[in-house]
PDB file of N, CA and C in Angstrom:
ATOM      1  N   MET A   1     -12.768  31.143 -46.050  1.00  0.00           N
ATOM      2  CA  MET A   1     -13.584  31.437 -44.892  1.00  0.00           C
ATOM      3  C   MET A   1     -14.162  32.833 -45.055  1.00  0.00           C
ATOM      4  N   SER A   2     -15.422  32.968 -44.799  1.00  0.00           N
ATOM      5  CA  SER A   2     -16.070  34.258 -44.985  1.00  0.00           C
ATOM      6  C   SER A   2     -15.721  35.204 -43.847  1.00  0.00           C
ATOM      7  N   ASP A   3     -15.904  36.487 -44.112  1.00  0.00           N
ATOM      8  CA  ASP A   3     -15.625  37.508 -43.115  1.00  0.00           C
ATOM      9  C   ASP A   3     -16.874  37.686 -42.264  1.00  0.00           C
ATOM     10  N   SER A   4     -16.945  36.987 -41.137  1.00  0.00           N
ATOM     11  CA  SER A   4     -18.130  37.032 -40.294  1.00  0.00           C
ATOM     12  C   SER A   4     -17.760  37.566 -38.918  1.00  0.00           C
ATOM     13  N   PRO A   5     -18.753  38.059 -38.166  1.00  0.00           N
ATOM     14  CA  PRO A   5     -18.457  38.567 -36.834  1.00  0.00           C
ATOM     15  C   PRO A   5     -17.984  37.485 -35.865  1.00  0.00           C
ATOM     16  N   SER A   6     -18.315  36.241 -36.132  1.00  0.00           N
ATOM     17  CA  SER A   6     -17.902  35.157 -35.236  1.00  0.00           C
ATOM     18  C   SER A   6     -16.651  34.436 -35.735  1.00  0.00           C
ATOM     19  N   GLN A   7     -15.936  35.049 -36.639  1.00  0.00           N
ATOM     20  CA  GLN A   7     -14.747  34.423 -37.208  1.00  0.00           C
ATOM     21  C   GLN A   7     -13.691  34.167 -36.132  1.00  0.00           C
ATOM     22  N   HIS A   8     -13.530  35.097 -35.202  1.00  0.00           N
ATOM     23  CA  HIS A   8     -12.522  34.902 -34.161  1.00  0.00           C
ATOM     24  C   HIS A   8     -12.900  33.752 -33.226  1.00  0.00           C
ATOM     25  N   LEU A   9     -14.209  33.460 -33.097  1.00  0.00           N
ATOM     26  CA  LEU A   9     -14.631  32.327 -32.273  1.00  0.00           C
ATOM     27  C   LEU A   9     -14.274  30.999 -32.939  1.00  0.00           C
ATOM     28  N   ILE A  10     -14.423  30.939 -34.254  1.00  0.00           N
ATOM     29  CA  ILE A  10     -14.063  29.731 -35.002  1.00  0.00           C
ATOM     30  C   ILE A  10     -12.561  29.481 -34.897  1.00  0.00           C
ATOM     31  N   ILE A  11     -11.790  30.548 -35.008  1.00  0.00           N
ATOM     32  CA  ILE A  11     -10.335  30.427 -34.908  1.00  0.00           C
ATOM     33  C   ILE A  11      -9.932  30.048 -33.490  1.00  0.00           C
ATOM     34  N   ALA A  12     -10.618  30.601 -32.488  1.00  0.00           N
ATOM     35  CA  ALA A  12     -10.323  30.256 -31.092  1.00  0.00           C
ATOM     36  C   ALA A  12     -10.593  28.779 -30.822  1.00  0.00           C
ATOM     37  N   GLU A  13     -11.668  28.246 -31.399  1.00  0.00           N
ATOM     38  CA  GLU A  13     -11.965  26.814 -31.258  1.00  0.00           C
ATOM     39  C   GLU A  13     -10.834  25.970 -31.849  1.00  0.00           C
ATOM     40  N   TRP A  14     -10.332  26.386 -33.005  1.00  0.00           N
ATOM     41  CA  TRP A  14      -9.251  25.652 -33.655  1.00  0.00           C
ATOM     42  C   TRP A  14      -7.977  25.695 -32.813  1.00  0.00           C
ATOM     43  N   ILE A  15      -7.658  26.858 -32.263  1.00  0.00           N
ATOM     44  CA  ILE A  15      -6.454  26.981 -31.433  1.00  0.00           C
ATOM     45  C   ILE A  15      -6.596  26.135 -30.171  1.00  0.00           C
ATOM     46  N   LEU A  16      -7.795  26.118 -29.581  1.00  0.00           N
ATOM     47  CA  LEU A  16      -8.026  25.319 -28.374  1.00  0.00           C
ATOM     48  C   LEU A  16      -7.871  23.828 -28.671  1.00  0.00           C
ATOM     49  N   GLU A  17      -8.399  23.368 -29.807  1.00  0.00           N
ATOM     50  CA  GLU A  17      -8.258  21.960 -30.188  1.00  0.00           C
ATOM     51  C   GLU A  17      -6.807  21.604 -30.478  1.00  0.00           C
ATOM     52  N   ARG A  18      -6.094  22.539 -31.075  1.00  0.00           N
ATOM     53  CA  ARG A  18      -4.689  22.306 -31.415  1.00  0.00           C
ATOM     54  C   ARG A  18      -3.833  22.203 -30.158  1.00  0.00           C
ATOM     55  N   GLY A  19      -4.120  23.033 -29.164  1.00  0.00           N
ATOM     56  CA  GLY A  19      -3.447  22.936 -27.876  1.00  0.00           C
ATOM     57  C   GLY A  19      -2.082  23.570 -27.787  1.00  0.00           C
ATOM     58  N   GLU A  20      -1.668  24.327 -28.788  1.00  0.00           N
ATOM     59  CA  GLU A  20      -0.369  24.992 -28.717  1.00  0.00           C
ATOM     60  C   GLU A  20      -0.494  26.410 -29.242  1.00  0.00           C
ATOM     61  N   ALA A  21       0.509  27.214 -28.953  1.00  0.00           N
ATOM     62  CA  ALA A  21       0.487  28.620 -29.347  1.00  0.00           C
ATOM     63  C   ALA A  21       0.610  28.748 -30.863  1.00  0.00           C
ATOM     64  N   VAL A  22      -0.137  29.693 -31.422  1.00  0.00           N
ATOM     65  CA  VAL A  22      -0.081  29.955 -32.861  1.00  0.00           C
ATOM     66  C   VAL A  22       0.134  31.446 -33.083  1.00  0.00           C
ATOM     67  N   ASN A  23       0.674  31.776 -34.234  1.00  0.00           N
ATOM     68  CA  ASN A  23       0.805  33.181 -34.609  1.00  0.00           C
ATOM     69  C   ASN A  23      -0.107  33.465 -35.797  1.00  0.00           C
ATOM     70  N   ALA A  24      -0.118  34.709 -36.229  1.00  0.00           N
ATOM     71  CA  ALA A  24      -1.023  35.109 -37.306  1.00  0.00           C
ATOM     72  C   ALA A  24      -0.709  34.379 -38.606  1.00  0.00           C
ATOM     73  N   HIS A  25       0.555  34.099 -38.854  1.00  0.00           N
ATOM     74  CA  HIS A  25       0.931  33.410 -40.087  1.00  0.00           C
ATOM     75  C   HIS A  25       0.371  31.987 -40.126  1.00  0.00           C
ATOM     76  N   ASP A  26       0.429  31.281 -38.993  1.00  0.00           N
ATOM     77  CA  ASP A  26      -0.123  29.921 -38.933  1.00  0.00           C
ATOM     78  C   ASP A  26      -1.617  29.919 -39.230  1.00  0.00           C
ATOM     79  N   VAL A  27      -2.315  30.873 -38.640  1.00  0.00           N
ATOM     80  CA  VAL A  27      -3.769  30.926 -38.806  1.00  0.00           C
ATOM     81  C   VAL A  27      -4.136  31.344 -40.223  1.00  0.00           C
ATOM     82  N   SER A  28      -3.379  32.279 -40.802  1.00  0.00           N
ATOM     83  CA  SER A  28      -3.694  32.703 -42.167  1.00  0.00           C
ATOM     84  C   SER A  28      -3.440  31.578 -43.161  1.00  0.00           C
ATOM     85  N   GLU A  29      -2.456  30.729 -42.898  1.00  0.00           N
ATOM     86  CA  GLU A  29      -2.241  29.565 -43.761  1.00  0.00           C
ATOM     87  C   GLU A  29      -3.384  28.562 -43.633  1.00  0.00           C
ATOM     88  N   LYS A  30      -3.859  28.349 -42.422  1.00  0.00           N
ATOM     89  CA  LYS A  30      -4.913  27.357 -42.180  1.00  0.00           C
ATOM     90  C   LYS A  30      -6.243  27.793 -42.779  1.00  0.00           C
ATOM     91  N   PHE A  31      -6.625  29.075 -42.573  1.00  0.00           N
ATOM     92  CA  PHE A  31      -7.948  29.533 -42.978  1.00  0.00           C
ATOM     93  C   PHE A  31      -7.950  30.339 -44.278  1.00  0.00           C
ATOM     94  N   GLY A  32      -6.790  30.629 -44.841  1.00  0.00           N
ATOM     95  CA  GLY A  32      -6.729  31.364 -46.097  1.00  0.00           C
ATOM     96  C   GLY A  32      -7.147  32.816 -45.973  1.00  0.00           C
ATOM     97  N   ILE A  33      -6.777  33.433 -44.882  1.00  0.00           N
ATOM     98  CA  ILE A  33      -7.139  34.827 -44.605  1.00  0.00           C
ATOM     99  C   ILE A  33      -5.874  35.663 -44.721  1.00  0.00           C
ATOM    100  N   PRO A  34      -5.974  36.915 -45.215  1.00  0.00           N
ATOM    101  CA  PRO A  34      -4.785  37.774 -45.252  1.00  0.00           C
ATOM    102  C   PRO A  34      -4.198  37.970 -43.848  1.00  0.00           C
ATOM    103  N   ASN A  35      -2.896  38.132 -43.793  1.00  0.00           N
ATOM    104  CA  ASN A  35      -2.187  38.204 -42.516  1.00  0.00           C
ATOM    105  C   ASN A  35      -2.627  39.394 -41.662  1.00  0.00           C
ATOM    106  N   ASN A  36      -2.902  40.544 -42.283  1.00  0.00           N
ATOM    107  CA  ASN A  36      -3.307  41.710 -41.490  1.00  0.00           C
ATOM    108  C   ASN A  36      -4.681  41.506 -40.861  1.00  0.00           C
ATOM    109  N   ARG A  37      -5.592  40.846 -41.544  1.00  0.00           N
ATOM    110  CA  ARG A  37      -6.911  40.563 -40.972  1.00  0.00           C
ATOM    111  C   ARG A  37      -6.791  39.533 -39.853  1.00  0.00           C
ATOM    112  N   GLU A  38      -5.856  38.621 -40.018  1.00  0.00           N
ATOM    113  CA  GLU A  38      -5.662  37.613 -38.986  1.00  0.00           C
ATOM    114  C   GLU A  38      -5.076  38.216 -37.722  1.00  0.00           C
ATOM    115  N   GLN A  39      -4.202  39.195 -37.857  1.00  0.00           N
ATOM    116  CA  GLN A  39      -3.678  39.891 -36.675  1.00  0.00           C
ATOM    117  C   GLN A  39      -4.799  40.608 -35.943  1.00  0.00           C
ATOM    118  N   ALA A  40      -5.747  41.146 -36.681  1.00  0.00           N
ATOM    119  CA  ALA A  40      -6.903  41.796 -36.058  1.00  0.00           C
ATOM    120  C   ALA A  40      -7.769  40.775 -35.328  1.00  0.00           C
ATOM    121  N   CYS A  41      -7.927  39.581 -35.896  1.00  0.00           N
ATOM    122  CA  CYS A  41      -8.703  38.526 -35.223  1.00  0.00           C
ATOM    123  C   CYS A  41      -8.028  38.088 -33.935  1.00  0.00           C
ATOM    124  N   LEU A  42      -6.705  37.975 -33.953  1.00  0.00           N
ATOM    125  CA  LEU A  42      -5.994  37.594 -32.735  1.00  0.00           C
ATOM    126  C   LEU A  42      -6.132  38.671 -31.667  1.00  0.00           C
ATOM    127  N   ALA A  43      -6.096  39.932 -32.073  1.00  0.00           N
ATOM    128  CA  ALA A  43      -6.290  41.020 -31.109  1.00  0.00           C
ATOM    129  C   ALA A  43      -7.712  41.002 -30.554  1.00  0.00           C
ATOM    130  N   MET A  44      -8.683  40.698 -31.407  1.00  0.00           N
ATOM    131  CA  MET A  44     -10.072  40.609 -30.952  1.00  0.00           C
ATOM    132  C   MET A  44     -10.245  39.445 -29.978  1.00  0.00           C
ATOM    133  N   MET A  45      -9.533  38.359 -30.226  1.00  0.00           N
ATOM    134  CA  MET A  45      -9.588  37.214 -29.324  1.00  0.00           C
ATOM    135  C   MET A  45      -9.064  37.575 -27.941  1.00  0.00           C
ATOM    136  N   GLU A  46      -8.009  38.377 -27.900  1.00  0.00           N
ATOM    137  CA  GLU A  46      -7.444  38.788 -26.612  1.00  0.00           C
ATOM    138  C   GLU A  46      -8.399  39.683 -25.834  1.00  0.00           C
ATOM    139  N   ARG A  47      -9.168  40.499 -26.530  1.00  0.00           N
ATOM    140  CA  ARG A  47     -10.094  41.424 -25.862  1.00  0.00           C
ATOM    141  C   ARG A  47     -11.428  40.785 -25.510  1.00  0.00           C
ATOM    142  N   ASP A  48     -11.749  39.657 -26.116  1.00  0.00           N
ATOM    143  CA  ASP A  48     -13.039  39.011 -25.876  1.00  0.00           C
ATOM    144  C   ASP A  48     -13.066  38.420 -24.468  1.00  0.00           C
ATOM    145  N   LYS A  49     -14.083  38.777 -23.695  1.00  0.00           N
ATOM    146  CA  LYS A  49     -14.198  38.319 -22.305  1.00  0.00           C
ATOM    147  C   LYS A  49     -14.582  36.846 -22.208  1.00  0.00           C
ATOM    148  N   ALA A  50     -15.098  36.259 -23.270  1.00  0.00           N
ATOM    149  CA  ALA A  50     -15.504  34.857 -23.245  1.00  0.00           C
ATOM    150  C   ALA A  50     -14.348  33.907 -23.557  1.00  0.00           C
ATOM    151  N   ILE A  51     -13.221  34.450 -24.004  1.00  0.00           N
ATOM    152  CA  ILE A  51     -12.076  33.625 -24.382  1.00  0.00           C
ATOM    153  C   ILE A  51     -10.909  33.953 -23.457  1.00  0.00           C
ATOM    154  N   THR A  52     -10.385  32.938 -22.785  1.00  0.00           N
ATOM    155  CA  THR A  52      -9.211  33.114 -21.933  1.00  0.00           C
ATOM    156  C   THR A  52      -7.983  32.760 -22.757  1.00  0.00           C
ATOM    157  N   THR A  53      -7.080  33.737 -22.910  1.00  0.00           N
ATOM    158  CA  THR A  53      -5.902  33.528 -23.741  1.00  0.00           C
ATOM    159  C   THR A  53      -4.637  33.794 -22.948  1.00  0.00           C
ATOM    160  N   LYS A  54      -3.544  33.282 -23.469  1.00  0.00           N
ATOM    161  CA  LYS A  54      -2.223  33.562 -22.925  1.00  0.00           C
ATOM    162  C   LYS A  54      -1.367  34.030 -24.090  1.00  0.00           C
ATOM    163  N   ARG A  55      -0.737  35.179 -23.925  1.00  0.00           N
ATOM    164  CA  ARG A  55       0.059  35.767 -24.998  1.00  0.00           C
ATOM    165  C   ARG A  55       1.540  35.546 -24.723  1.00  0.00           C
ATOM    166  N   SER A  56       2.263  35.207 -25.762  1.00  0.00           N
ATOM    167  CA  SER A  56       3.714  35.062 -25.651  1.00  0.00           C
ATOM    168  C   SER A  56       4.347  35.647 -26.901  1.00  0.00           C
ATOM    169  N   GLU A  57       5.582  36.063 -26.760  1.00  0.00           N
ATOM    170  CA  GLU A  57       6.306  36.623 -27.902  1.00  0.00           C
ATOM    171  C   GLU A  57       7.626  35.884 -28.048  1.00  0.00           C
ATOM    172  N   THR A  58       7.983  35.592 -29.273  1.00  0.00           N
ATOM    173  CA  THR A  58       9.256  34.943 -29.556  1.00  0.00           C
ATOM    174  C   THR A  58       9.980  35.749 -30.616  1.00  0.00           C
ATOM    175  N   THR A  59      11.277  35.645 -30.631  1.00  0.00           N
ATOM    176  CA  THR A  59      12.066  36.333 -31.639  1.00  0.00           C
ATOM    177  C   THR A  59      12.001  35.537 -32.929  1.00  0.00           C
ATOM    178  N   SER A  60      11.737  36.232 -34.003  1.00  0.00           N
ATOM    179  CA  SER A  60      11.626  35.575 -35.299  1.00  0.00           C
ATOM    180  C   SER A  60      12.989  35.053 -35.732  1.00  0.00           C
ATOM    181  N   SER A  61      13.015  33.868 -36.296  1.00  0.00           N
ATOM    182  CA  SER A  61      14.284  33.258 -36.699  1.00  0.00           C
ATOM    183  C   SER A  61      14.873  33.918 -37.938  1.00  0.00           C
ATOM    184  N   ASN A  62      14.025  34.487 -38.784  1.00  0.00           N
ATOM    185  CA  ASN A  62      14.538  35.095 -40.014  1.00  0.00           C
ATOM    186  C   ASN A  62      14.615  36.614 -39.918  1.00  0.00           C
ATOM    187  N   ALA A  63      14.471  37.181 -38.722  1.00  0.00           N
ATOM    188  CA  ALA A  63      14.531  38.634 -38.570  1.00  0.00           C
ATOM    189  C   ALA A  63      15.988  39.087 -38.507  1.00  0.00           C
ATOM    190  N   ARG A  64      16.245  40.251 -39.067  1.00  0.00           N
ATOM    191  CA  ARG A  64      17.588  40.811 -39.024  1.00  0.00           C
ATOM    192  C   ARG A  64      17.778  41.559 -37.708  1.00  0.00           C
ATOM    193  N   GLN A  65      19.013  41.816 -37.348  1.00  0.00           N
ATOM    194  CA  GLN A  65      19.327  42.473 -36.077  1.00  0.00           C
ATOM    195  C   GLN A  65      18.734  43.869 -35.999  1.00  0.00           C
ATOM    196  N   TYR A  66      18.693  44.586 -37.117  1.00  0.00           N
ATOM    197  CA  TYR A  66      18.276  45.979 -37.093  1.00  0.00           C
ATOM    198  C   TYR A  66      16.792  46.166 -37.388  1.00  0.00           C
ATOM    199  N   ASP A  67      16.034  45.095 -37.480  1.00  0.00           N
ATOM    200  CA  ASP A  67      14.591  45.230 -37.686  1.00  0.00           C
ATOM    201  C   ASP A  67      13.964  45.898 -36.480  1.00  0.00           C
ATOM    202  N   TYR A  68      12.988  46.742 -36.744  1.00  0.00           N
ATOM    203  CA  TYR A  68      12.299  47.447 -35.657  1.00  0.00           C
ATOM    204  C   TYR A  68      11.528  46.468 -34.788  1.00  0.00           C
ATOM    205  N   ASP A  69      10.773  45.606 -35.419  1.00  0.00           N
ATOM    206  CA  ASP A  69       9.943  44.669 -34.671  1.00  0.00           C
ATOM    207  C   ASP A  69      10.278  43.256 -35.128  1.00  0.00           C
ATOM    208  N   ASN A  70      11.177  42.617 -34.404  1.00  0.00           N
ATOM    209  CA  ASN A  70      11.571  41.271 -34.808  1.00  0.00           C
ATOM    210  C   ASN A  70      10.969  40.207 -33.902  1.00  0.00           C
ATOM    211  N   THR A  71       9.892  40.548 -33.197  1.00  0.00           N
ATOM    212  CA  THR A  71       9.218  39.560 -32.363  1.00  0.00           C
ATOM    213  C   THR A  71       7.913  39.134 -33.023  1.00  0.00           C
ATOM    214  N   VAL A  72       7.532  37.910 -32.761  1.00  0.00           N
ATOM    215  CA  VAL A  72       6.299  37.357 -33.301  1.00  0.00           C
ATOM    216  C   VAL A  72       5.361  37.102 -32.130  1.00  0.00           C
ATOM    217  N   LYS A  73       4.143  37.638 -32.222  1.00  0.00           N
ATOM    218  CA  LYS A  73       3.160  37.447 -31.162  1.00  0.00           C
ATOM    219  C   LYS A  73       2.473  36.105 -31.364  1.00  0.00           C
ATOM    220  N   LYS A  74       2.464  35.299 -30.306  1.00  0.00           N
ATOM    221  CA  LYS A  74       1.789  34.006 -30.342  1.00  0.00           C
ATOM    222  C   LYS A  74       0.715  33.987 -29.270  1.00  0.00           C
ATOM    223  N   ILE A  75      -0.381  33.310 -29.566  1.00  0.00           N
ATOM    224  CA  ILE A  75      -1.506  33.248 -28.634  1.00  0.00           C
ATOM    225  C   ILE A  75      -1.882  31.789 -28.404  1.00  0.00           C
ATOM    226  N   THR A  76      -2.120  31.469 -27.138  1.00  0.00           N
ATOM    227  CA  THR A  76      -2.648  30.167 -26.753  1.00  0.00           C
ATOM    228  C   THR A  76      -4.023  30.387 -26.153  1.00  0.00           C
ATOM    229  N   VAL A  77      -5.016  29.643 -26.604  1.00  0.00           N
ATOM    230  CA  VAL A  77      -6.357  29.725 -26.027  1.00  0.00           C
ATOM    231  C   VAL A  77      -6.436  28.691 -24.912  1.00  0.00           C
ATOM    232  N   ILE A  78      -6.728  29.171 -23.709  1.00  0.00           N
ATOM    233  CA  ILE A  78      -6.793  28.296 -22.543  1.00  0.00           C
ATOM    234  C   ILE A  78      -8.207  27.768 -22.341  1.00  0.00           C
ATOM    235  N   ALA A  79      -9.200  28.645 -22.472  1.00  0.00           N
ATOM    236  CA  ALA A  79     -10.590  28.228 -22.255  1.00  0.00           C
ATOM    237  C   ALA A  79     -11.528  29.137 -23.035  1.00  0.00           C
ATOM    238  N   ILE A  80     -12.694  28.600 -23.366  1.00  0.00           N
ATOM    239  CA  ILE A  80     -13.756  29.370 -24.019  1.00  0.00           C
ATOM    240  C   ILE A  80     -15.012  29.208 -23.179  1.00  0.00           C
ATOM    241  N   ASP A  81     -15.585  30.329 -22.751  1.00  0.00           N
ATOM    242  CA  ASP A  81     -16.811  30.301 -21.950  1.00  0.00           C
ATOM    243  C   ASP A  81     -18.001  30.269 -22.906  1.00  0.00           C
ATOM    244  N   ARG A  82     -18.530  29.082 -23.131  1.00  0.00           N
ATOM    245  CA  ARG A  82     -19.618  28.920 -24.092  1.00  0.00           C
ATOM    246  C   ARG A  82     -20.934  29.514 -23.588  1.00  0.00           C
ATOM    247  N   ASP A  83     -21.093  29.618 -22.265  1.00  0.00           N
ATOM    248  CA  ASP A  83     -22.305  30.242 -21.713  1.00  0.00           C
ATOM    249  C   ASP A  83     -22.371  31.722 -22.072  1.00  0.00           C
ATOM    250  N   LYS A  84     -21.237  32.419 -21.973  1.00  0.00           N
ATOM    251  CA  LYS A  84     -21.210  33.838 -22.342  1.00  0.00           C
ATOM    252  C   LYS A  84     -21.527  34.019 -23.820  1.00  0.00           C
ATOM    253  N   ILE A  85     -21.000  33.143 -24.640  1.00  0.00           N
ATOM    254  CA  ILE A  85     -21.247  33.238 -26.080  1.00  0.00           C
ATOM    255  C   ILE A  85     -22.711  32.966 -26.383  1.00  0.00           C
ATOM    256  N   ALA A  86     -23.311  31.993 -25.698  1.00  0.00           N
ATOM    257  CA  ALA A  86     -24.727  31.686 -25.913  1.00  0.00           C
ATOM    258  C   ALA A  86     -25.607  32.851 -25.476  1.00  0.00           C
ATOM    259  N   ARG A  87     -25.286  33.466 -24.338  1.00  0.00           N
ATOM    260  CA  ARG A  87     -26.059  34.635 -23.894  1.00  0.00           C
ATOM    261  C   ARG A  87     -25.906  35.798 -24.859  1.00  0.00           C
ATOM    262  N   ARG A  88     -24.723  35.932 -25.417  1.00  0.00           N
ATOM    263  CA  ARG A  88     -24.467  37.005 -26.374  1.00  0.00           C
ATOM    264  C   ARG A  88     -25.316  36.829 -27.623  1.00  0.00           C
ATOM    265  N   LYS A  89     -25.509  35.593 -28.063  1.00  0.00           N
ATOM    266  CA  LYS A  89     -26.309  35.336 -29.262  1.00  0.00           C
ATOM    267  C   LYS A  89     -27.797  35.508 -28.988  1.00  0.00           C
ATOM    268  N   MET A  90     -28.230  35.187 -27.759  1.00  0.00           N
ATOM    269  CA  MET A  90     -29.650  35.310 -27.428  1.00  0.00           C
ATOM    270  C   MET A  90     -30.066  36.761 -27.238  1.00  0.00           C
ATOM    271  N   ARG A  91     -29.157  37.582 -26.753  1.00  0.00           N
ATOM    272  CA  ARG A  91     -29.494  38.961 -26.446  1.00  0.00           C
ATOM    273  C   ARG A  91     -28.486  39.878 -27.138  1.00  0.00           C
ATOM    274  N   PRO A  92     -28.746  40.244 -28.383  1.00  0.00           N
ATOM    275  CA  PRO A  92     -27.800  41.110 -29.087  1.00  0.00           C
ATOM    276  C   PRO A  92     -27.757  42.500 -28.461  1.00  0.00           C
ATOM    277  N   SER A  93     -26.641  43.179 -28.671  1.00  0.00           N
ATOM    278  CA  SER A  93     -26.458  44.484 -28.039  1.00  0.00           C
ATOM    279  C   SER A  93     -27.296  45.573 -28.714  1.00  0.00           C
ATOM    280  N   TYR A  94     -27.675  45.373 -29.961  1.00  0.00           N
ATOM    281  CA  TYR A  94     -28.473  46.379 -30.656  1.00  0.00           C
ATOM    282  C   TYR A  94     -29.947  46.156 -30.350  1.00  0.00           C
ATOM    283  N   ASN A  95     -30.615  47.173 -29.859  1.00  0.00           N
ATOM    284  CA  ASN A  95     -32.025  47.070 -29.493  1.00  0.00           C
ATOM    285  C   ASN A  95     -32.869  47.481 -30.692  1.00  0.00           C
ATOM    286  N   ASP A  96     -33.287  46.516 -31.495  1.00  0.00           N
ATOM    287  CA  ASP A  96     -34.046  46.829 -32.704  1.00  0.00           C
ATOM    288  C   ASP A  96     -35.506  47.141 -32.408  1.00  0.00           C
ATOM    289  N   GLN A  97     -35.986  46.840 -31.204  1.00  0.00           N
ATOM    290  CA  GLN A  97     -37.362  47.192 -30.858  1.00  0.00           C
ATOM    291  C   GLN A  97     -37.476  48.693 -30.607  1.00  0.00           C
ATOM    292  N   GLN A  98     -36.504  49.230 -29.907  1.00  0.00           N
ATOM    293  CA  GLN A  98     -36.544  50.646 -29.563  1.00  0.00           C
ATOM    294  C   GLN A  98     -36.055  51.521 -30.715  1.00  0.00           C
ATOM    295  N   TYR A  99     -35.084  51.040 -31.456  1.00  0.00           N
ATOM    296  CA  TYR A  99     -34.517  51.795 -32.567  1.00  0.00           C
ATOM    297  C   TYR A  99     -34.620  50.971 -33.842  1.00  0.00           C
ATOM    298  N   PRO A 100     -35.792  50.945 -34.476  1.00  0.00           N
ATOM    299  CA  PRO A 100     -35.941  50.109 -35.669  1.00  0.00           C
ATOM    300  C   PRO A 100     -35.135  50.663 -36.844  1.00  0.00           C
ATOM    301  N   LEU A 101     -34.664  49.755 -37.677  1.00  0.00           N
ATOM    302  CA  LEU A 101     -33.943  50.142 -38.880  1.00  0.00           C
ATOM    303  C   LEU A 101     -34.935  50.414 -40.001  1.00  0.00           C
ATOM    304  N   TYR A 102     -34.690  51.439 -40.767  1.00  0.00           N
ATOM    305  CA  TYR A 102     -35.528  51.725 -41.921  1.00  0.00           C
ATOM    306  C   TYR A 102     -34.640  52.285 -43.021  1.00  0.00           C
ATOM    307  N   PRO A 103     -34.998  52.035 -44.266  1.00  0.00           N
ATOM    308  CA  PRO A 103     -34.159  52.501 -45.368  1.00  0.00           C
ATOM    309  C   PRO A 103     -34.220  54.018 -45.507  1.00  0.00           C
ATOM    310  N   VAL A 104     -33.076  54.616 -45.787  1.00  0.00           N
ATOM    311  CA  VAL A 104     -33.025  56.066 -45.944  1.00  0.00           C
ATOM    312  C   VAL A 104     -33.016  56.475 -47.410  1.00  0.00           C
ATOM    313  N   SER A 105     -33.039  55.513 -48.311  1.00  0.00           N
ATOM    314  CA  SER A 105     -33.005  55.857 -49.729  1.00  0.00           C
ATOM    315  C   SER A 105     -34.297  56.542 -50.176  1.00  0.00           C
ATOM    316  N   ASP A 106     -35.406  56.302 -49.471  1.00  0.00           N
ATOM    317  CA  ASP A 106     -36.679  56.917 -49.840  1.00  0.00           C
ATOM    318  C   ASP A 106     -36.844  58.321 -49.271  1.00  0.00           C
ATOM    319  N   LEU A 107     -35.984  58.712 -48.355  1.00  0.00           N
ATOM    320  CA  LEU A 107     -36.124  60.014 -47.707  1.00  0.00           C
ATOM    321  C   LEU A 107     -35.453  61.107 -48.523  1.00  0.00           C
ATOM    322  N   THR A 108     -35.931  62.326 -48.334  1.00  0.00           N
ATOM    323  CA  THR A 108     -35.285  63.466 -48.980  1.00  0.00           C
ATOM    324  C   THR A 108     -34.020  63.808 -48.207  1.00  0.00           C
ATOM    325  N   ARG A 109     -33.226  64.691 -48.769  1.00  0.00           N
ATOM    326  CA  ARG A 109     -31.966  65.072 -48.132  1.00  0.00           C
ATOM    327  C   ARG A 109     -32.199  65.721 -46.765  1.00  0.00           C
ATOM    328  N   ALA A 110     -33.222  66.569 -46.655  1.00  0.00           N
ATOM    329  CA  ALA A 110     -33.515  67.235 -45.386  1.00  0.00           C
ATOM    330  C   ALA A 110     -34.007  66.240 -44.333  1.00  0.00           C
ATOM    331  N   GLU A 111     -34.791  65.244 -44.758  1.00  0.00           N
ATOM    332  CA  GLU A 111     -35.303  64.251 -43.810  1.00  0.00           C
ATOM    333  C   GLU A 111     -34.192  63.336 -43.289  1.00  0.00           C
ATOM    334  N   LYS A 112     -33.184  63.092 -44.106  1.00  0.00           N
ATOM    335  CA  LYS A 112     -32.090  62.229 -43.675  1.00  0.00           C
ATOM    336  C   LYS A 112     -31.327  62.833 -42.507  1.00  0.00           C
ATOM    337  N   TRP A 113     -31.245  64.165 -42.463  1.00  0.00           N
ATOM    338  CA  TRP A 113     -30.436  64.818 -41.435  1.00  0.00           C
ATOM    339  C   TRP A 113     -31.247  65.275 -40.240  1.00  0.00           C
ATOM    340  N   GLU A 114     -32.495  64.892 -40.143  1.00  0.00           N
ATOM    341  CA  GLU A 114     -33.317  65.276 -38.993  1.00  0.00           C
ATOM    342  C   GLU A 114     -33.078  64.371 -37.824  1.00  0.00           C
TER     343      GLU A 114
END
């Protein structure tokens, strides 16, 4: 799976279809993504206003007593607001009309810092 800005939406759809709580390890096995990137996607899912999630934590079965963090974060997707996502795609947050992008490789060093 490619590293795209909508990757957390694809994963949220999968969790919603599955209907049960998943952790980062389950998702990384399914999509072939490194575990640390998957934890970031789950955190992004929790912060996204278009996705309603429920977070739960369980104690890991293979964790030792003296481990600092022996809980596993699990997330259940309850609902996805597709209208918010559609509006987000129609109206991007970057205003390219007012602030057009232009290459800086042609500029001199002094012009780049103006």
